[in-house]
PDB file of N, CA and C in Angstrom:
ATOM      1  N   MET A   1       0.974  -1.193  -0.186  1.00  0.00           N
ATOM      2  CA  MET A   1       0.163   0.173   0.200  1.00  0.00           C
ATOM      3  C   MET A   1       1.123   1.140  -0.025  1.00  0.00           C
ATOM      4  N   ALA A   2       0.665   1.859  -0.501  1.00  0.00           N
ATOM      5  CA  ALA A   2       1.355   3.816  -0.659  1.00  0.00           C
ATOM      6  C   ALA A   2       1.076   4.218  -0.082  1.00  0.00           C
ATOM      7  N   VAL A   3       2.311   4.763   0.774  1.00  0.00           N
ATOM      8  CA  VAL A   3       1.958   5.647   2.041  1.00  0.00           C
ATOM      9  C   VAL A   3       1.425   6.999   0.838  1.00  0.00           C
ATOM     10  N   ASN A   4       0.480   7.461   2.373  1.00  0.00           N
ATOM     11  CA  ASN A   4      -0.600   8.803   1.688  1.00  0.00           C
ATOM     12  C   ASN A   4       0.666  10.689   2.264  1.00  0.00           C
ATOM     13  N   TRP A   5       0.693  10.592   1.236  1.00  0.00           N
ATOM     14  CA  TRP A   5       1.785  11.622   1.795  1.00  0.00           C
ATOM     15  C   TRP A   5       0.985  12.588   2.603  1.00  0.00           C
ATOM     16  N   ARG A   6      -0.361  12.929   2.009  1.00  0.00           N
ATOM     17  CA  ARG A   6      -0.971  13.588   3.182  1.00  0.00           C
ATOM     18  C   ARG A   6      -0.881  13.855   4.416  1.00  0.00           C
ATOM     19  N   GLU A   7      -0.767  12.992   5.085  1.00  0.00           N
ATOM     20  CA  GLU A   7      -0.271  12.181   6.274  1.00  0.00           C
ATOM     21  C   GLU A   7       0.832  12.821   6.839  1.00  0.00           C
ATOM     22  N   ARG A   8       1.809  13.372   6.091  1.00  0.00           N
ATOM     23  CA  ARG A   8       3.494  13.138   6.634  1.00  0.00           C
ATOM     24  C   ARG A   8       4.043  14.878   5.758  1.00  0.00           C
ATOM     25  N   VAL A   9       3.142  15.054   5.073  1.00  0.00           N
ATOM     26  CA  VAL A   9       3.746  16.457   4.662  1.00  0.00           C
ATOM     27  C   VAL A   9       2.707  17.811   4.728  1.00  0.00           C
ATOM     28  N   GLU A  10       3.107  18.854   5.423  1.00  0.00           N
ATOM     29  CA  GLU A  10       2.671  19.729   5.178  1.00  0.00           C
ATOM     30  C   GLU A  10       3.060  20.953   4.620  1.00  0.00           C
ATOM     31  N   GLU A  11       2.480  22.043   4.447  1.00  0.00           N
ATOM     32  CA  GLU A  11       2.593  23.734   3.779  1.00  0.00           C
ATOM     33  C   GLU A  11       2.027  24.537   4.785  1.00  0.00           C
ATOM     34  N   LYS A  12       2.740  25.161   5.431  1.00  0.00           N
ATOM     35  CA  LYS A  12       2.468  26.592   6.035  1.00  0.00           C
ATOM     36  C   LYS A  12       3.261  27.654   6.150  1.00  0.00           C
ATOM     37  N   ALA A  13       2.423  28.685   6.006  1.00  0.00           N
ATOM     38  CA  ALA A  13       2.869  29.543   5.567  1.00  0.00           C
ATOM     39  C   ALA A  13       4.485  30.380   5.915  1.00  0.00           C
ATOM     40  N   GLU A  14       4.485  30.034   7.522  1.00  0.00           N
ATOM     41  CA  GLU A  14       5.477  30.214   8.647  1.00  0.00           C
ATOM     42  C   GLU A  14       6.736  29.760   8.556  1.00  0.00           C
ATOM     43  N   VAL A  15       7.100  28.388   7.693  1.00  0.00           N
ATOM     44  CA  VAL A  15       7.689  27.350   7.952  1.00  0.00           C
ATOM     45  C   VAL A  15       8.338  27.551   6.551  1.00  0.00           C
ATOM     46  N   LEU A  16       9.412  27.900   6.224  1.00  0.00           N
ATOM     47  CA  LEU A  16       9.939  27.935   5.098  1.00  0.00           C
ATOM     48  C   LEU A  16       9.335  28.529   3.764  1.00  0.00           C
ATOM     49  N   GLY A  17       8.618  29.454   4.251  1.00  0.00           N
ATOM     50  CA  GLY A  17       8.074  30.160   3.277  1.00  0.00           C
ATOM     51  C   GLY A  17       6.516  29.310   2.730  1.00  0.00           C
ATOM     52  N   GLY A  18       5.951  28.412   3.160  1.00  0.00           N
ATOM     53  CA  GLY A  18       5.006  27.598   2.753  1.00  0.00           C
ATOM     54  C   GLY A  18       5.634  26.585   1.624  1.00  0.00           C
ATOM     55  N   LYS A  19       6.414  26.230   1.798  1.00  0.00           N
ATOM     56  CA  LYS A  19       7.562  24.999   0.789  1.00  0.00           C
ATOM     57  C   LYS A  19       6.636  23.609   1.747  1.00  0.00           C
ATOM     58  N   PRO A  20       6.039  23.033   1.113  1.00  0.00           N
ATOM     59  CA  PRO A  20       6.248  21.670   1.675  1.00  0.00           C
ATOM     60  C   PRO A  20       6.952  20.834   2.075  1.00  0.00           C
ATOM     61  N   VAL A  21       6.698  20.056   3.310  1.00  0.00           N
ATOM     62  CA  VAL A  21       7.926  19.643   4.370  1.00  0.00           C
ATOM     63  C   VAL A  21       7.369  18.971   5.188  1.00  0.00           C
ATOM     64  N   ILE A  22       8.493  18.168   5.848  1.00  0.00           N
ATOM     65  CA  ILE A  22       7.985  16.941   6.528  1.00  0.00           C
ATOM     66  C   ILE A  22       7.129  17.423   7.988  1.00  0.00           C
ATOM     67  N   LYS A  23       5.582  16.438   8.022  1.00  0.00           N
ATOM     68  CA  LYS A  23       5.317  17.599   9.078  1.00  0.00           C
ATOM     69  C   LYS A  23       6.277  17.467  10.542  1.00  0.00           C
ATOM     70  N   GLY A  24       6.033  18.236  11.149  1.00  0.00           N
ATOM     71  CA  GLY A  24       6.627  18.937  12.530  1.00  0.00           C
ATOM     72  C   GLY A  24       8.106  18.964  12.495  1.00  0.00           C
ATOM     73  N   SER A  25       8.812  19.256  11.145  1.00  0.00           N
ATOM     74  CA  SER A  25      10.496  19.571  10.896  1.00  0.00           C
ATOM     75  C   SER A  25      10.406  20.855  10.116  1.00  0.00           C
ATOM     76  N   ARG A  26      11.584  21.263   9.429  1.00  0.00           N
ATOM     77  CA  ARG A  26      11.725  22.449   8.804  1.00  0.00           C
ATOM     78  C   ARG A  26      12.864  21.294   7.483  1.00  0.00           C
ATOM     79  N   LEU A  27      12.603  20.083   7.545  1.00  0.00           N
ATOM     80  CA  LEU A  27      12.915  19.550   6.268  1.00  0.00           C
ATOM     81  C   LEU A  27      12.202  19.483   5.188  1.00  0.00           C
ATOM     82  N   SER A  28      12.291  20.063   3.926  1.00  0.00           N
ATOM     83  CA  SER A  28      11.454  20.144   3.008  1.00  0.00           C
ATOM     84  C   SER A  28      11.742  19.057   2.079  1.00  0.00           C
ATOM     85  N   VAL A  29      10.358  18.956   1.193  1.00  0.00           N
ATOM     86  CA  VAL A  29      10.457  17.770   0.314  1.00  0.00           C
ATOM     87  C   VAL A  29      10.922  18.053  -0.534  1.00  0.00           C
ATOM     88  N   GLU A  30      11.704  18.644  -1.367  1.00  0.00           N
ATOM     89  CA  GLU A  30      12.451  19.530  -2.586  1.00  0.00           C
ATOM     90  C   GLU A  30      13.899  19.310  -1.985  1.00  0.00           C
ATOM     91  N   PHE A  31      14.338  19.413  -0.064  1.00  0.00           N
ATOM     92  CA  PHE A  31      15.839  19.353  -0.013  1.00  0.00           C
ATOM     93  C   PHE A  31      16.010  17.573   0.026  1.00  0.00           C
ATOM     94  N   LEU A  32      14.487  16.731   0.277  1.00  0.00           N
ATOM     95  CA  LEU A  32      15.175  15.185   0.764  1.00  0.00           C
ATOM     96  C   LEU A  32      14.681  14.987  -0.891  1.00  0.00           C
ATOM     97  N   LEU A  33      14.579  14.990  -1.287  1.00  0.00           N
ATOM     98  CA  LEU A  33      14.175  14.658  -3.009  1.00  0.00           C
ATOM     99  C   LEU A  33      15.661  14.867  -3.336  1.00  0.00           C
ATOM    100  N   GLY A  34      16.209  16.244  -3.152  1.00  0.00           N
ATOM    101  CA  GLY A  34      17.459  16.417  -3.540  1.00  0.00           C
ATOM    102  C   GLY A  34      18.850  15.712  -3.465  1.00  0.00           C
ATOM    103  N   LEU A  35      18.457  14.802  -2.017  1.00  0.00           N
ATOM    104  CA  LEU A  35      19.559  13.590  -1.537  1.00  0.00           C
ATOM    105  C   LEU A  35      19.349  12.627  -1.954  1.00  0.00           C
ATOM    106  N   MET A  36      18.168  12.527  -2.570  1.00  0.00           N
ATOM    107  CA  MET A  36      17.871  10.799  -3.245  1.00  0.00           C
ATOM    108  C   MET A  36      18.288  11.373  -4.399  1.00  0.00           C
ATOM    109  N   ALA A  37      18.504  12.231  -5.604  1.00  0.00           N
ATOM    110  CA  ALA A  37      19.001  12.905  -6.522  1.00  0.00           C
ATOM    111  C   ALA A  37      20.344  12.539  -6.181  1.00  0.00           C
ATOM    112  N   ALA A  38      21.013  13.025  -5.403  1.00  0.00           N
ATOM    113  CA  ALA A  38      22.637  13.324  -5.159  1.00  0.00           C
ATOM    114  C   ALA A  38      22.627  11.753  -4.994  1.00  0.00           C
ATOM    115  N   GLY A  39      22.352  10.756  -5.057  1.00  0.00           N
ATOM    116  CA  GLY A  39      22.600   9.303  -4.510  1.00  0.00           C
ATOM    117  C   GLY A  39      22.865   8.750  -3.160  1.00  0.00           C
ATOM    118  N   TRP A  40      21.667   9.701  -2.439  1.00  0.00           N
ATOM    119  CA  TRP A  40      22.164   9.300  -0.931  1.00  0.00           C
ATOM    120  C   TRP A  40      20.995   8.640  -0.811  1.00  0.00           C
ATOM    121  N   GLU A  41      21.405   7.239   0.013  1.00  0.00           N
ATOM    122  CA  GLU A  41      20.452   6.158   0.378  1.00  0.00           C
ATOM    123  C   GLU A  41      19.365   6.566   1.006  1.00  0.00           C
ATOM    124  N   GLN A  42      18.602   5.206   1.451  1.00  0.00           N
ATOM    125  CA  GLN A  42      17.593   5.931   2.513  1.00  0.00           C
ATOM    126  C   GLN A  42      18.216   5.578   3.733  1.00  0.00           C
ATOM    127  N   PRO A  43      19.336   4.445   4.107  1.00  0.00           N
ATOM    128  CA  PRO A  43      19.940   4.457   5.501  1.00  0.00           C
ATOM    129  C   PRO A  43      20.778   5.714   5.766  1.00  0.00           C
ATOM    130  N   GLU A  44      21.019   6.116   4.503  1.00  0.00           N
ATOM    131  CA  GLU A  44      22.784   6.940   5.372  1.00  0.00           C
ATOM    132  C   GLU A  44      21.310   8.413   5.373  1.00  0.00           C
ATOM    133  N   ILE A  45      20.137   8.867   4.429  1.00  0.00           N
ATOM    134  CA  ILE A  45      19.508   9.627   5.064  1.00  0.00           C
ATOM    135  C   ILE A  45      19.037   9.749   6.482  1.00  0.00           C
ATOM    136  N   LEU A  46      18.741   8.608   6.476  1.00  0.00           N
ATOM    137  CA  LEU A  46      17.625   8.251   8.041  1.00  0.00           C
ATOM    138  C   LEU A  46      19.152   8.863   9.092  1.00  0.00           C
ATOM    139  N   GLU A  47      20.184   7.822   9.003  1.00  0.00           N
ATOM    140  CA  GLU A  47      21.025   8.026   9.843  1.00  0.00           C
ATOM    141  C   GLU A  47      21.560   9.502  10.291  1.00  0.00           C
ATOM    142  N   ASN A  48      21.619  10.389   9.124  1.00  0.00           N
ATOM    143  CA  ASN A  48      21.883  11.916   9.454  1.00  0.00           C
ATOM    144  C   ASN A  48      20.848  12.652   9.747  1.00  0.00           C
ATOM    145  N   TYR A  49      19.169  11.972   9.595  1.00  0.00           N
ATOM    146  CA  TYR A  49      18.442  13.248   9.935  1.00  0.00           C
ATOM    147  C   TYR A  49      17.579  12.288  10.803  1.00  0.00           C
ATOM    148  N   PRO A  50      17.647  11.257  11.831  1.00  0.00           N
ATOM    149  CA  PRO A  50      16.897  10.528  12.789  1.00  0.00           C
ATOM    150  C   PRO A  50      15.531  10.805  13.047  1.00  0.00           C
ATOM    151  N   GLY A  51      15.048  12.145  12.871  1.00  0.00           N
ATOM    152  CA  GLY A  51      14.022  12.526  13.180  1.00  0.00           C
ATOM    153  C   GLY A  51      12.882  11.897  12.205  1.00  0.00           C
ATOM    154  N   LEU A  52      13.489  11.196  10.932  1.00  0.00           N
ATOM    155  CA  LEU A  52      12.858  11.172   9.948  1.00  0.00           C
ATOM    156  C   LEU A  52      12.209   9.411   9.891  1.00  0.00           C
ATOM    157  N   THR A  53      11.552   9.110   8.884  1.00  0.00           N
ATOM    158  CA  THR A  53      10.853   7.532   8.768  1.00  0.00           C
ATOM    159  C   THR A  53      11.224   7.121   7.516  1.00  0.00           C
ATOM    160  N   ARG A  54      11.358   6.095   7.194  1.00  0.00           N
ATOM    161  CA  ARG A  54      11.543   5.213   5.653  1.00  0.00           C
ATOM    162  C   ARG A  54       9.851   5.727   5.085  1.00  0.00           C
ATOM    163  N   ASP A  55       8.540   6.147   6.026  1.00  0.00           N
ATOM    164  CA  ASP A  55       7.416   6.779   5.077  1.00  0.00           C
ATOM    165  C   ASP A  55       7.832   7.606   4.874  1.00  0.00           C
ATOM    166  N   ASP A  56       8.501   8.724   5.563  1.00  0.00           N
ATOM    167  CA  ASP A  56       8.480   9.967   5.543  1.00  0.00           C
ATOM    168  C   ASP A  56       8.901  10.294   4.128  1.00  0.00           C
ATOM    169  N   LEU A  57      10.043   9.504   3.770  1.00  0.00           N
ATOM    170  CA  LEU A  57      10.798   9.645   2.726  1.00  0.00           C
ATOM    171  C   LEU A  57      10.023   8.948   1.596  1.00  0.00           C
ATOM    172  N   LEU A  58       9.060   8.068   1.708  1.00  0.00           N
ATOM    173  CA  LEU A  58       8.031   7.095   0.489  1.00  0.00           C
ATOM    174  C   LEU A  58       7.331   8.868   0.524  1.00  0.00           C
ATOM    175  N   ALA A  59       7.167   9.430   1.703  1.00  0.00           N
ATOM    176  CA  ALA A  59       5.703  10.384   1.402  1.00  0.00           C
ATOM    177  C   ALA A  59       6.449  11.510   0.242  1.00  0.00           C
ATOM    178  N   CYS A  60       7.773  11.930   0.505  1.00  0.00           N
ATOM    179  CA  CYS A  60       8.172  12.822  -0.612  1.00  0.00           C
ATOM    180  C   CYS A  60       8.306  12.554  -2.011  1.00  0.00           C
ATOM    181  N   LEU A  61       8.486  11.130  -2.200  1.00  0.00           N
ATOM    182  CA  LEU A  61       7.823  10.592  -3.642  1.00  0.00           C
ATOM    183  C   LEU A  61       7.017  10.623  -3.772  1.00  0.00           C
ATOM    184  N   GLN A  62       6.253  10.261  -2.864  1.00  0.00           N
ATOM    185  CA  GLN A  62       4.873   9.977  -3.382  1.00  0.00           C
ATOM    186  C   GLN A  62       4.053  11.584  -3.576  1.00  0.00           C
ATOM    187  N   TYR A  63       4.433  12.563  -2.864  1.00  0.00           N
ATOM    188  CA  TYR A  63       4.347  14.202  -3.282  1.00  0.00           C
ATOM    189  C   TYR A  63       4.276  14.832  -4.556  1.00  0.00           C
ATOM    190  N   ALA A  64       5.769  13.962  -5.114  1.00  0.00           N
ATOM    191  CA  ALA A  64       6.184  14.315  -6.151  1.00  0.00           C
ATOM    192  C   ALA A  64       5.658  13.728  -7.498  1.00  0.00           C
ATOM    193  N   LYS A  65       5.277  12.427  -7.147  1.00  0.00           N
ATOM    194  CA  LYS A  65       4.448  11.837  -8.388  1.00  0.00           C
ATOM    195  C   LYS A  65       3.123  12.256  -8.690  1.00  0.00           C
ATOM    196  N   GLU A  66       2.411  12.390  -7.809  1.00  0.00           N
ATOM    197  CA  GLU A  66       1.088  13.167  -7.787  1.00  0.00           C
ATOM    198  C   GLU A  66       1.178  13.998  -7.985  1.00  0.00           C
ATOM    199  N   LEU A  67       2.016  15.275  -8.042  1.00  0.00           N
ATOM    200  CA  LEU A  67       1.981  16.717  -8.784  1.00  0.00           C
ATOM    201  C   LEU A  67       2.777  16.394  -9.940  1.00  0.00           C
ATOM    202  N   LEU A  68       3.516  15.845 -10.487  1.00  0.00           N
ATOM    203  CA  LEU A  68       3.223  15.336 -11.917  1.00  0.00           C
ATOM    204  C   LEU A  68       2.367  14.677 -12.248  1.00  0.00           C
ATOM    205  N   GLU A  69       1.553  13.901 -11.712  1.00  0.00           N
ATOM    206  CA  GLU A  69       0.231  13.680 -12.840  1.00  0.00           C
ATOM    207  C   GLU A  69      -0.484  14.724 -12.835  1.00  0.00           C
ATOM    208  N   THR A  70      -0.974  15.800 -11.520  1.00  0.00           N
ATOM    209  CA  THR A  70      -1.810  16.531 -12.173  1.00  0.00           C
ATOM    210  C   THR A  70      -0.874  17.828 -13.168  1.00  0.00           C
ATOM    211  N   GLU A  71       0.242  17.562 -13.452  1.00  0.00           N
ATOM    212  CA  GLU A  71       0.654  18.509 -14.363  1.00  0.00           C
ATOM    213  C   GLU A  71       0.188  18.796 -15.742  1.00  0.00           C
ATOM    214  N   GLN A  72      -0.470  19.963 -16.041  1.00  0.00           N
ATOM    215  CA  GLN A  72      -0.553  20.302 -17.235  1.00  0.00           C
ATOM    216  C   GLN A  72       0.067  20.915 -17.990  1.00  0.00           C
ATOM    217  N   LEU A  73       0.374  20.283 -19.296  1.00  0.00           N
ATOM    218  CA  LEU A  73       1.045  20.621 -20.027  1.00  0.00           C
ATOM    219  C   LEU A  73       0.194  21.935 -21.608  1.00  0.00           C
ATOM    220  N   VAL A  74       0.730  22.967 -21.179  1.00  0.00           N
ATOM    221  CA  VAL A  74       0.514  24.181 -22.180  1.00  0.00           C
ATOM    222  C   VAL A  74       1.291  24.561 -23.404  1.00  0.00           C
ATOM    223  N   THR A  75       0.686  24.234 -24.633  1.00  0.00           N
ATOM    224  CA  THR A  75       1.448  24.385 -25.630  1.00  0.00           C
ATOM    225  C   THR A  75       1.385  26.457 -26.202  1.00  0.00           C
ATOM    226  N   LEU A  76       2.493  26.682 -26.494  1.00  0.00           N
ATOM    227  CA  LEU A  76       1.867  28.516 -26.921  1.00  0.00           C
ATOM    228  C   LEU A  76       2.373  28.674 -28.049  1.00  0.00           C
ATOM    229  N   SER A  77       1.445  29.128 -28.944  1.00  0.00           N
ATOM    230  CA  SER A  77       1.892  29.031 -30.749  1.00  0.00           C
ATOM    231  C   SER A  77       3.327  30.156 -30.516  1.00  0.00           C
ATOM    232  N   ALA A  78       3.885  30.424 -31.327  1.00  0.00           N
ATOM    233  CA  ALA A  78       4.908  31.439 -32.040  1.00  0.00           C
ATOM    234  C   ALA A  78       4.260  33.059 -32.261  1.00  0.00           C
TER     235      ALA A  78
END
């Protein structure tokens, strides 16, 4: 069963200017996705950020997936 990112990710104007973060933290989804994109493995991330869980990282991936699924492309004429 997929992780429900809405249970783990929040956006609050007073935290990082409203960027999506893991609830109760200042770790943004963008930052954590960047670590994964840079080749950091789950155990390495969890060791360096002990407040995180595996499900928090999966929530970041699910958030990005759903964002891309709902993205609408618009073709502009020259």
